[in-house]
Amino acid sequence: MKLLNHKPFPFSIPIILLILHFNPLVAQESVVDKAIEVSGMEKMKNAEASFSFRKHTYSYKRQNGQFTYTRIGKNKDSSMVRDVYTNKGFTRYIDDAVASITEERKNAYTNSVNSVMYFAFLPLWLKDQAVVLENKGTTSIKGKEYHKIRVTFKKEGGGVDYEDVFLYWFDVEDYSMDYLAYKYFTGKGGMRFREAYNQRTVNGVTIQDYRNLQPKIKDAVPFEQIEKAFENGKLEELSIIELKNVKISTLPKI
């Protein structure tokens, strides 16, 4: 932001604070905007990327709102499987031939590929039109203070899992997204809490891995206070979310 060389109005800071206090929408939008800015994720609106996650290789391309997400792996019989998800839909290829799959499987594979991309490049997606932000004030985790933002989704444009609820914690000083949690309702439902680690910068974009945790006893933890359960040792590690060999290159706007 360009700073003008003017003397500040004596009451400008209190007035700004009052505006943020009485207009929570302004406050939460400001937190998310700042988090996206410091993470460099704005670049991912026009970029190519690739990374490895577990047994698959992923590629990402997004330019002027058009996207192509690809996942490559192998079947048990060693045949090559390539899943391609674009604005036009999903296609599965097996050894470069289009595979015939049911709508149920197609939806499952689409959600799987999209989910990996969603978590890999957070907090970019928190400004999508279907996102509803709610400022939950500040809270502390491990002695550090965080902005706590609750995210829900509109039915229109919110995807098949629009009823899911997310929580994000942004450091009040540097706006890093150190924790997130979500409550989902597909299958038997449940909740997850993720703690970020191994934060690094790839071509100006912040990438991080996560410890993925869940309540030790199902339904024993109130989701809206799951960070307290984390601090009190009521969560257990379920898995590690680790992105390897991450490469990112920016693309021009056309």
C-alpha atoms as a PDB file:
ATOM      1  CA  MET A   1       0.000   0.000   0.000  1.00  0.00           C
ATOM      2  CA  LYS A   2       1.374   3.424  -0.956  1.00  0.00           C
ATOM      3  CA  LEU A   3       1.668   5.744   2.039  1.00  0.00           C
ATOM      4  CA  LEU A   4       0.754   9.383   1.531  1.00  0.00           C
ATOM      5  CA  ASN A   5       3.055  11.942   3.095  1.00  0.00           C
ATOM      6  CA  HIS A   6       0.338  13.588   5.182  1.00  0.00           C
ATOM      7  CA  LYS A   7       0.184  14.169   8.914  1.00  0.00           C
ATOM      8  CA  PRO A   8      -2.219  11.655  10.491  1.00  0.00           C
ATOM      9  CA  PHE A   9      -5.519  12.877  11.873  1.00  0.00           C
ATOM     10  CA  PRO A  10      -5.168  12.803  15.689  1.00  0.00           C
ATOM     11  CA  PHE A  11      -8.080  10.409  16.195  1.00  0.00           C
ATOM     12  CA  SER A  12      -7.526   8.229  13.120  1.00  0.00           C
ATOM     13  CA  ILE A  13      -6.376   5.115  15.007  1.00  0.00           C
ATOM     14  CA  PRO A  14      -9.241   5.127  17.560  1.00  0.00           C
ATOM     15  CA  ILE A  15     -11.735   5.749  14.772  1.00  0.00           C
ATOM     16  CA  ILE A  16     -10.345   2.808  12.764  1.00  0.00           C
ATOM     17  CA  LEU A  17     -10.525   0.585  15.838  1.00  0.00           C
ATOM     18  CA  LEU A  18     -14.113   1.629  16.450  1.00  0.00           C
ATOM     19  CA  ILE A  19     -15.008   0.837  12.837  1.00  0.00           C
ATOM     20  CA  LEU A  20     -13.471  -2.622  13.134  1.00  0.00           C
ATOM     21  CA  HIS A  21     -15.176  -3.207  16.484  1.00  0.00           C
ATOM     22  CA  PHE A  22     -18.649  -2.278  15.290  1.00  0.00           C
ATOM     23  CA  ASN A  23     -18.276  -3.788  11.823  1.00  0.00           C
ATOM     24  CA  PRO A  24     -17.018  -7.367  12.233  1.00  0.00           C
ATOM     25  CA  LEU A  25     -17.326  -7.965   8.476  1.00  0.00           C
ATOM     26  CA  VAL A  26     -14.629  -5.327   7.882  1.00  0.00           C
ATOM     27  CA  ALA A  27     -12.429  -6.912  10.554  1.00  0.00           C
ATOM     28  CA  GLN A  28     -12.637 -10.478   9.255  1.00  0.00           C
ATOM     29  CA  GLU A  29     -12.185  -9.402   5.623  1.00  0.00           C
ATOM     30  CA  SER A  30      -9.121  -7.443   6.696  1.00  0.00           C
ATOM     31  CA  VAL A  31      -7.619 -10.460   8.491  1.00  0.00           C
ATOM     32  CA  VAL A  32      -8.144 -12.782   5.519  1.00  0.00           C
ATOM     33  CA  ASP A  33      -6.885 -10.214   3.005  1.00  0.00           C
ATOM     34  CA  LYS A  34      -3.733  -9.680   5.060  1.00  0.00           C
ATOM     35  CA  ALA A  35      -3.171 -13.439   5.444  1.00  0.00           C
ATOM     36  CA  ILE A  36      -3.453 -13.956   1.685  1.00  0.00           C
ATOM     37  CA  GLU A  37      -1.090 -11.047   1.084  1.00  0.00           C
ATOM     38  CA  VAL A  38       1.675 -12.193   3.444  1.00  0.00           C
ATOM     39  CA  SER A  39       1.406 -15.821   2.261  1.00  0.00           C
ATOM     40  CA  GLY A  40       1.924 -14.822  -1.368  1.00  0.00           C
ATOM     41  CA  MET A  41      -1.090 -16.960  -2.327  1.00  0.00           C
ATOM     42  CA  GLU A  42      -2.444 -14.237  -4.604  1.00  0.00           C
ATOM     43  CA  LYS A  43       0.132 -15.494  -7.115  1.00  0.00           C
ATOM     44  CA  MET A  44      -1.696 -18.820  -7.347  1.00  0.00           C
ATOM     45  CA  LYS A  45      -4.552 -17.167  -9.247  1.00  0.00           C
ATOM     46  CA  ASN A  46      -2.296 -17.257 -12.306  1.00  0.00           C
ATOM     47  CA  ALA A  47       0.265 -19.987 -11.782  1.00  0.00           C
ATOM     48  CA  GLU A  48       1.434 -23.517 -12.455  1.00  0.00           C
ATOM     49  CA  ALA A  49       2.536 -25.842  -9.656  1.00  0.00           C
ATOM     50  CA  SER A  50       3.468 -29.448  -9.043  1.00  0.00           C
ATOM     51  CA  PHE A  51       4.073 -31.532  -5.928  1.00  0.00           C
ATOM     52  CA  SER A  52       4.017 -35.059  -4.556  1.00  0.00           C
ATOM     53  CA  PHE A  53       1.547 -36.129  -1.878  1.00  0.00           C
ATOM     54  CA  ARG A  54       1.649 -39.680  -0.592  1.00  0.00           C
ATOM     55  CA  LYS A  55       1.639 -42.015  -3.619  1.00  0.00           C
ATOM     56  CA  HIS A  56       0.509 -39.458  -6.179  1.00  0.00           C
ATOM     57  CA  THR A  57       1.955 -36.614  -8.202  1.00  0.00           C
ATOM     58  CA  TYR A  58      -0.211 -33.525  -8.587  1.00  0.00           C
ATOM     59  CA  SER A  59      -0.106 -30.648 -11.032  1.00  0.00           C
ATOM     60  CA  TYR A  60      -2.002 -27.383 -10.808  1.00  0.00           C
ATOM     61  CA  LYS A  61      -2.680 -24.786 -13.461  1.00  0.00           C
ATOM     62  CA  ARG A  62      -4.904 -21.765 -13.007  1.00  0.00           C
ATOM     63  CA  GLN A  63      -5.128 -18.754 -15.292  1.00  0.00           C
ATOM     64  CA  ASN A  64      -7.840 -16.110 -15.606  1.00  0.00           C
ATOM     65  CA  GLY A  65     -10.307 -18.307 -13.705  1.00  0.00           C
ATOM     66  CA  GLN A  66      -9.683 -21.391 -15.846  1.00  0.00           C
ATOM     67  CA  PHE A  67      -8.120 -24.331 -13.997  1.00  0.00           C
ATOM     68  CA  THR A  68      -6.710 -27.795 -14.591  1.00  0.00           C
ATOM     69  CA  TYR A  69      -5.899 -30.045 -11.640  1.00  0.00           C
ATOM     70  CA  THR A  70      -4.184 -33.352 -12.397  1.00  0.00           C
ATOM     71  CA  ARG A  71      -3.363 -36.353 -10.215  1.00  0.00           C
ATOM     72  CA  ILE A  72      -1.159 -39.182 -11.478  1.00  0.00           C
ATOM     73  CA  GLY A  73      -0.672 -42.552  -9.805  1.00  0.00           C
ATOM     74  CA  LYS A  74      -0.724 -46.279 -10.410  1.00  0.00           C
ATOM     75  CA  ASN A  75      -3.292 -49.035  -9.969  1.00  0.00           C
ATOM     76  CA  LYS A  76      -2.446 -52.311  -8.258  1.00  0.00           C
ATOM     77  CA  ASP A  77      -1.835 -53.831 -11.696  1.00  0.00           C
ATOM     78  CA  SER A  78       0.756 -51.064 -12.387  1.00  0.00           C
ATOM     79  CA  SER A  79      -1.431 -49.353 -14.994  1.00  0.00           C
ATOM     80  CA  MET A  80      -1.026 -45.575 -15.045  1.00  0.00           C
ATOM     81  CA  VAL A  81      -4.001 -43.585 -13.737  1.00  0.00           C
ATOM     82  CA  ARG A  82      -4.405 -39.904 -14.573  1.00  0.00           C
ATOM     83  CA  ASP A  83      -7.274 -37.917 -13.050  1.00  0.00           C
ATOM     84  CA  VAL A  84      -7.976 -34.546 -14.679  1.00  0.00           C
ATOM     85  CA  TYR A  85     -10.391 -32.027 -13.164  1.00  0.00           C
ATOM     86  CA  THR A  86     -11.145 -28.783 -15.050  1.00  0.00           C
ATOM     87  CA  ASN A  87     -13.896 -26.161 -15.279  1.00  0.00           C
ATOM     88  CA  LYS A  88     -15.594 -28.527 -17.750  1.00  0.00           C
ATOM     89  CA  GLY A  89     -15.636 -31.522 -15.414  1.00  0.00           C
ATOM     90  CA  PHE A  90     -13.694 -34.642 -14.468  1.00  0.00           C
ATOM     91  CA  THR A  91     -12.072 -37.338 -16.620  1.00  0.00           C
ATOM     92  CA  ARG A  92     -10.118 -40.420 -15.560  1.00  0.00           C
ATOM     93  CA  TYR A  93      -7.547 -41.904 -17.914  1.00  0.00           C
ATOM     94  CA  ILE A  94      -6.024 -45.374 -17.533  1.00  0.00           C
ATOM     95  CA  ASP A  95      -2.892 -45.796 -19.664  1.00  0.00           C
ATOM     96  CA  ASP A  96      -4.062 -42.712 -21.631  1.00  0.00           C
ATOM     97  CA  ALA A  97      -7.452 -44.241 -22.490  1.00  0.00           C
ATOM     98  CA  VAL A  98     -10.613 -42.612 -21.097  1.00  0.00           C
ATOM     99  CA  ALA A  99     -11.991 -44.809 -18.306  1.00  0.00           C
ATOM    100  CA  SER A 100     -15.699 -45.545 -17.896  1.00  0.00           C
ATOM    101  CA  ILE A 101     -16.687 -44.823 -14.289  1.00  0.00           C
ATOM    102  CA  THR A 102     -19.945 -44.314 -12.436  1.00  0.00           C
ATOM    103  CA  GLU A 103     -21.173 -40.861 -11.420  1.00  0.00           C
ATOM    104  CA  GLU A 104     -20.619 -41.842  -7.798  1.00  0.00           C
ATOM    105  CA  ARG A 105     -16.965 -42.662  -8.461  1.00  0.00           C
ATOM    106  CA  LYS A 106     -16.548 -39.562 -10.597  1.00  0.00           C
ATOM    107  CA  ASN A 107     -17.832 -37.366  -7.743  1.00  0.00           C
ATOM    108  CA  ALA A 108     -15.578 -39.133  -5.239  1.00  0.00           C
ATOM    109  CA  TYR A 109     -12.458 -38.677  -7.390  1.00  0.00           C
ATOM    110  CA  THR A 110     -13.354 -35.052  -8.117  1.00  0.00           C
ATOM    111  CA  ASN A 111     -13.744 -34.270  -4.417  1.00  0.00           C
ATOM    112  CA  SER A 112     -10.486 -36.063  -3.619  1.00  0.00           C
ATOM    113  CA  VAL A 113      -8.424 -34.105  -6.166  1.00  0.00           C
ATOM    114  CA  ASN A 114     -10.102 -30.806  -5.334  1.00  0.00           C
ATOM    115  CA  SER A 115      -9.621 -31.340  -1.589  1.00  0.00           C
ATOM    116  CA  VAL A 116      -5.846 -31.764  -1.946  1.00  0.00           C
ATOM    117  CA  MET A 117      -5.585 -28.561  -3.994  1.00  0.00           C
ATOM    118  CA  TYR A 118      -7.834 -26.705  -1.559  1.00  0.00           C
ATOM    119  CA  PHE A 119      -5.690 -27.454   1.477  1.00  0.00           C
ATOM    120  CA  ALA A 120      -2.390 -27.059  -0.379  1.00  0.00           C
ATOM    121  CA  PHE A 121      -3.053 -23.436  -1.291  1.00  0.00           C
ATOM    122  CA  LEU A 122      -4.930 -22.028   1.670  1.00  0.00           C
ATOM    123  CA  PRO A 123      -5.801 -19.298   2.576  1.00  0.00           C
ATOM    124  CA  LEU A 124      -6.358 -18.256  -1.068  1.00  0.00           C
ATOM    125  CA  TRP A 125      -9.830 -19.797  -1.318  1.00  0.00           C
ATOM    126  CA  LEU A 126     -11.226 -17.900   1.667  1.00  0.00           C
ATOM    127  CA  LYS A 127     -12.284 -15.063  -0.645  1.00  0.00           C
ATOM    128  CA  ASP A 128     -14.424 -17.265  -2.909  1.00  0.00           C
ATOM    129  CA  GLN A 129     -17.959 -15.962  -3.484  1.00  0.00           C
ATOM    130  CA  ALA A 130     -19.562 -18.924  -1.705  1.00  0.00           C
ATOM    131  CA  VAL A 131     -17.534 -18.340   1.485  1.00  0.00           C
ATOM    132  CA  VAL A 132     -19.192 -16.748   4.516  1.00  0.00           C
ATOM    133  CA  LEU A 133     -16.717 -15.332   7.037  1.00  0.00           C
ATOM    134  CA  GLU A 134     -17.454 -14.799  10.719  1.00  0.00           C
ATOM    135  CA  ASN A 135     -15.079 -13.068  13.100  1.00  0.00           C
ATOM    136  CA  LYS A 136     -14.812 -15.046  16.366  1.00  0.00           C
ATOM    137  CA  GLY A 137     -12.445 -12.575  18.020  1.00  0.00           C
ATOM    138  CA  THR A 138      -9.034 -13.567  19.325  1.00  0.00           C
ATOM    139  CA  THR A 139      -7.873 -16.614  21.244  1.00  0.00           C
ATOM    140  CA  SER A 140      -4.546 -18.014  22.400  1.00  0.00           C
ATOM    141  CA  ILE A 141      -2.878 -21.289  21.442  1.00  0.00           C
ATOM    142  CA  LYS A 142       0.425 -22.319  23.020  1.00  0.00           C
ATOM    143  CA  GLY A 143       0.839 -18.833  24.458  1.00  0.00           C
ATOM    144  CA  LYS A 144       0.377 -17.003  21.130  1.00  0.00           C
ATOM    145  CA  GLU A 145      -2.596 -14.860  20.222  1.00  0.00           C
ATOM    146  CA  TYR A 146      -4.607 -15.575  17.085  1.00  0.00           C
ATOM    147  CA  HIS A 147      -7.462 -14.108  15.090  1.00  0.00           C
ATOM    148  CA  LYS A 148     -10.129 -16.825  14.955  1.00  0.00           C
ATOM    149  CA  ILE A 149     -12.204 -16.863  11.769  1.00  0.00           C
ATOM    150  CA  ARG A 150     -15.177 -19.174  11.226  1.00  0.00           C
ATOM    151  CA  VAL A 151     -16.024 -20.171   7.656  1.00  0.00           C
ATOM    152  CA  THR A 152     -19.287 -21.575   6.300  1.00  0.00           C
ATOM    153  CA  PHE A 153     -20.511 -21.841   2.722  1.00  0.00           C
ATOM    154  CA  LYS A 154     -23.523 -20.752   0.736  1.00  0.00           C
ATOM    155  CA  LYS A 155     -25.467 -23.594  -0.850  1.00  0.00           C
ATOM    156  CA  GLU A 156     -25.105 -22.042  -4.285  1.00  0.00           C
ATOM    157  CA  GLY A 157     -21.486 -22.449  -5.359  1.00  0.00           C
ATOM    158  CA  GLY A 158     -20.481 -24.133  -2.101  1.00  0.00           C
ATOM    159  CA  GLY A 159     -20.029 -27.584  -3.600  1.00  0.00           C
ATOM    160  CA  VAL A 160     -21.450 -30.899  -2.407  1.00  0.00           C
ATOM    161  CA  ASP A 161     -19.927 -30.361   1.046  1.00  0.00           C
ATOM    162  CA  TYR A 162     -21.360 -26.861   1.517  1.00  0.00           C
ATOM    163  CA  GLU A 163     -22.581 -27.771   5.028  1.00  0.00           C
ATOM    164  CA  ASP A 164     -19.015 -28.279   6.302  1.00  0.00           C
ATOM    165  CA  VAL A 165     -17.750 -25.740   8.848  1.00  0.00           C
ATOM    166  CA  PHE A 166     -14.151 -24.519   9.106  1.00  0.00           C
ATOM    167  CA  LEU A 167     -12.168 -22.582  11.690  1.00  0.00           C
ATOM    168  CA  TYR A 168      -8.895 -20.775  10.950  1.00  0.00           C
ATOM    169  CA  TRP A 169      -6.374 -19.237  13.320  1.00  0.00           C
ATOM    170  CA  PHE A 170      -4.163 -16.391  12.048  1.00  0.00           C
ATOM    171  CA  ASP A 171      -1.261 -15.029  14.096  1.00  0.00           C
ATOM    172  CA  VAL A 172      -2.165 -11.491  15.212  1.00  0.00           C
ATOM    173  CA  GLU A 173       1.375 -10.284  14.500  1.00  0.00           C
ATOM    174  CA  ASP A 174       2.422 -11.857  11.198  1.00  0.00           C
ATOM    175  CA  TYR A 175      -0.932 -13.279   9.962  1.00  0.00           C
ATOM    176  CA  SER A 176       0.485 -16.745   9.384  1.00  0.00           C
ATOM    177  CA  MET A 177      -2.192 -19.465   9.257  1.00  0.00           C
ATOM    178  CA  ASP A 178      -0.825 -21.770  11.961  1.00  0.00           C
ATOM    179  CA  TYR A 179      -3.940 -23.864  12.664  1.00  0.00           C
ATOM    180  CA  LEU A 180      -7.180 -24.856  11.000  1.00  0.00           C
ATOM    181  CA  ALA A 181     -10.046 -27.193  11.821  1.00  0.00           C
ATOM    182  CA  TYR A 182     -13.102 -28.494  10.050  1.00  0.00           C
ATOM    183  CA  LYS A 183     -16.299 -30.341  10.837  1.00  0.00           C
ATOM    184  CA  TYR A 184     -17.675 -32.519   8.056  1.00  0.00           C
ATOM    185  CA  PHE A 185     -20.917 -34.429   7.599  1.00  0.00           C
ATOM    186  CA  THR A 186     -20.197 -36.874   4.765  1.00  0.00           C
ATOM    187  CA  GLY A 187     -20.107 -40.556   5.695  1.00  0.00           C
ATOM    188  CA  LYS A 188     -20.198 -40.890   9.462  1.00  0.00           C
ATOM    189  CA  GLY A 189     -19.039 -37.297   9.894  1.00  0.00           C
ATOM    190  CA  GLY A 190     -16.367 -36.034  12.229  1.00  0.00           C
ATOM    191  CA  MET A 191     -13.905 -33.247  12.862  1.00  0.00           C
ATOM    192  CA  ARG A 192     -10.224 -32.604  12.247  1.00  0.00           C
ATOM    193  CA  PHE A 193      -7.670 -30.161  13.640  1.00  0.00           C
ATOM    194  CA  ARG A 194      -4.481 -29.344  11.736  1.00  0.00           C
ATOM    195  CA  GLU A 195      -1.285 -27.882  13.146  1.00  0.00           C
ATOM    196  CA  ALA A 196       1.066 -26.360  10.562  1.00  0.00           C
ATOM    197  CA  TYR A 197       4.792 -27.113  10.504  1.00  0.00           C
ATOM    198  CA  ASN A 198       7.715 -27.007   8.045  1.00  0.00           C
ATOM    199  CA  GLN A 199       6.698 -23.617   6.710  1.00  0.00           C
ATOM    200  CA  ARG A 200       8.785 -22.619   3.680  1.00  0.00           C
ATOM    201  CA  THR A 201       8.609 -20.249   0.728  1.00  0.00           C
ATOM    202  CA  VAL A 202       8.521 -21.466  -2.873  1.00  0.00           C
ATOM    203  CA  ASN A 203       8.797 -18.674  -5.439  1.00  0.00           C
ATOM    204  CA  GLY A 204       7.305 -16.213  -2.970  1.00  0.00           C
ATOM    205  CA  VAL A 205       4.437 -18.490  -1.915  1.00  0.00           C
ATOM    206  CA  THR A 206       4.194 -19.918   1.603  1.00  0.00           C
ATOM    207  CA  ILE A 207       3.828 -23.700   1.649  1.00  0.00           C
ATOM    208  CA  GLN A 208       3.411 -25.681   4.859  1.00  0.00           C
ATOM    209  CA  ASP A 209       2.772 -29.217   6.049  1.00  0.00           C
ATOM    210  CA  TYR A 210       0.336 -30.281   8.780  1.00  0.00           C
ATOM    211  CA  ARG A 211      -0.149 -32.654  11.635  1.00  0.00           C
ATOM    212  CA  ASN A 212      -3.699 -33.929  11.192  1.00  0.00           C
ATOM    213  CA  LEU A 213      -5.482 -34.641  14.481  1.00  0.00           C
ATOM    214  CA  GLN A 214      -8.893 -35.843  15.617  1.00  0.00           C
ATOM    215  CA  PRO A 215     -10.652 -36.111  19.002  1.00  0.00           C
ATOM    216  CA  LYS A 216      -9.577 -39.137  21.020  1.00  0.00           C
ATOM    217  CA  ILE A 217     -13.232 -39.710  21.882  1.00  0.00           C
ATOM    218  CA  LYS A 218     -15.763 -38.962  19.152  1.00  0.00           C
ATOM    219  CA  ASP A 219     -18.427 -36.378  20.022  1.00  0.00           C
ATOM    220  CA  ALA A 220     -16.572 -35.511  23.249  1.00  0.00           C
ATOM    221  CA  VAL A 221     -15.097 -32.251  21.920  1.00  0.00           C
ATOM    222  CA  PRO A 222     -17.148 -29.115  21.096  1.00  0.00           C
ATOM    223  CA  PHE A 223     -16.012 -28.079  17.620  1.00  0.00           C
ATOM    224  CA  GLU A 224     -16.187 -24.336  18.273  1.00  0.00           C
ATOM    225  CA  GLN A 225     -13.609 -24.770  21.080  1.00  0.00           C
ATOM    226  CA  ILE A 226     -11.474 -27.479  19.476  1.00  0.00           C
ATOM    227  CA  GLU A 227      -8.290 -25.447  19.979  1.00  0.00           C
ATOM    228  CA  LYS A 228      -8.807 -25.811  23.747  1.00  0.00           C
ATOM    229  CA  ALA A 229      -9.127 -29.576  23.341  1.00  0.00           C
ATOM    230  CA  PHE A 230      -5.837 -29.491  21.401  1.00  0.00           C
ATOM    231  CA  GLU A 231      -4.079 -27.673  24.229  1.00  0.00           C
ATOM    232  CA  ASN A 232      -5.581 -30.003  26.816  1.00  0.00           C
ATOM    233  CA  GLY A 233      -4.325 -33.134  25.057  1.00  0.00           C
ATOM    234  CA  LYS A 234      -7.757 -34.374  24.002  1.00  0.00           C
ATOM    235  CA  LEU A 235      -6.765 -34.814  20.352  1.00  0.00           C
ATOM    236  CA  GLU A 236      -4.680 -37.576  18.795  1.00  0.00           C
ATOM    237  CA  GLU A 237      -2.589 -37.590  15.634  1.00  0.00           C
ATOM    238  CA  LEU A 238      -4.325 -39.288  12.742  1.00  0.00           C
ATOM    239  CA  SER A 239      -1.925 -38.582   9.875  1.00  0.00           C
ATOM    240  CA  ILE A 240       0.714 -36.275   8.424  1.00  0.00           C
ATOM    241  CA  ILE A 241      -0.116 -33.982   5.499  1.00  0.00           C
ATOM    242  CA  GLU A 242       3.222 -33.505   3.758  1.00  0.00           C
ATOM    243  CA  LEU A 243       3.785 -31.957   0.327  1.00  0.00           C
ATOM    244  CA  LYS A 244       7.097 -32.870  -1.315  1.00  0.00           C
ATOM    245  CA  ASN A 245       9.033 -31.480  -4.281  1.00  0.00           C
ATOM    246  CA  VAL A 246       6.848 -28.382  -4.535  1.00  0.00           C
ATOM    247  CA  LYS A 247       7.479 -26.250  -7.611  1.00  0.00           C
ATOM    248  CA  ILE A 248       5.607 -23.042  -8.472  1.00  0.00           C
ATOM    249  CA  SER A 249       5.853 -20.732 -11.474  1.00  0.00           C
ATOM    250  CA  THR A 250       3.655 -17.729 -12.169  1.00  0.00           C
ATOM    251  CA  LEU A 251       1.703 -17.205 -15.389  1.00  0.00           C
ATOM    252  CA  PRO A 252       0.781 -13.935 -17.086  1.00  0.00           C
ATOM    253  CA  LYS A 253      -2.791 -12.707 -17.152  1.00  0.00           C
ATOM    254  CA  ILE A 254      -4.202 -13.049 -20.629  1.00  0.00           C
END
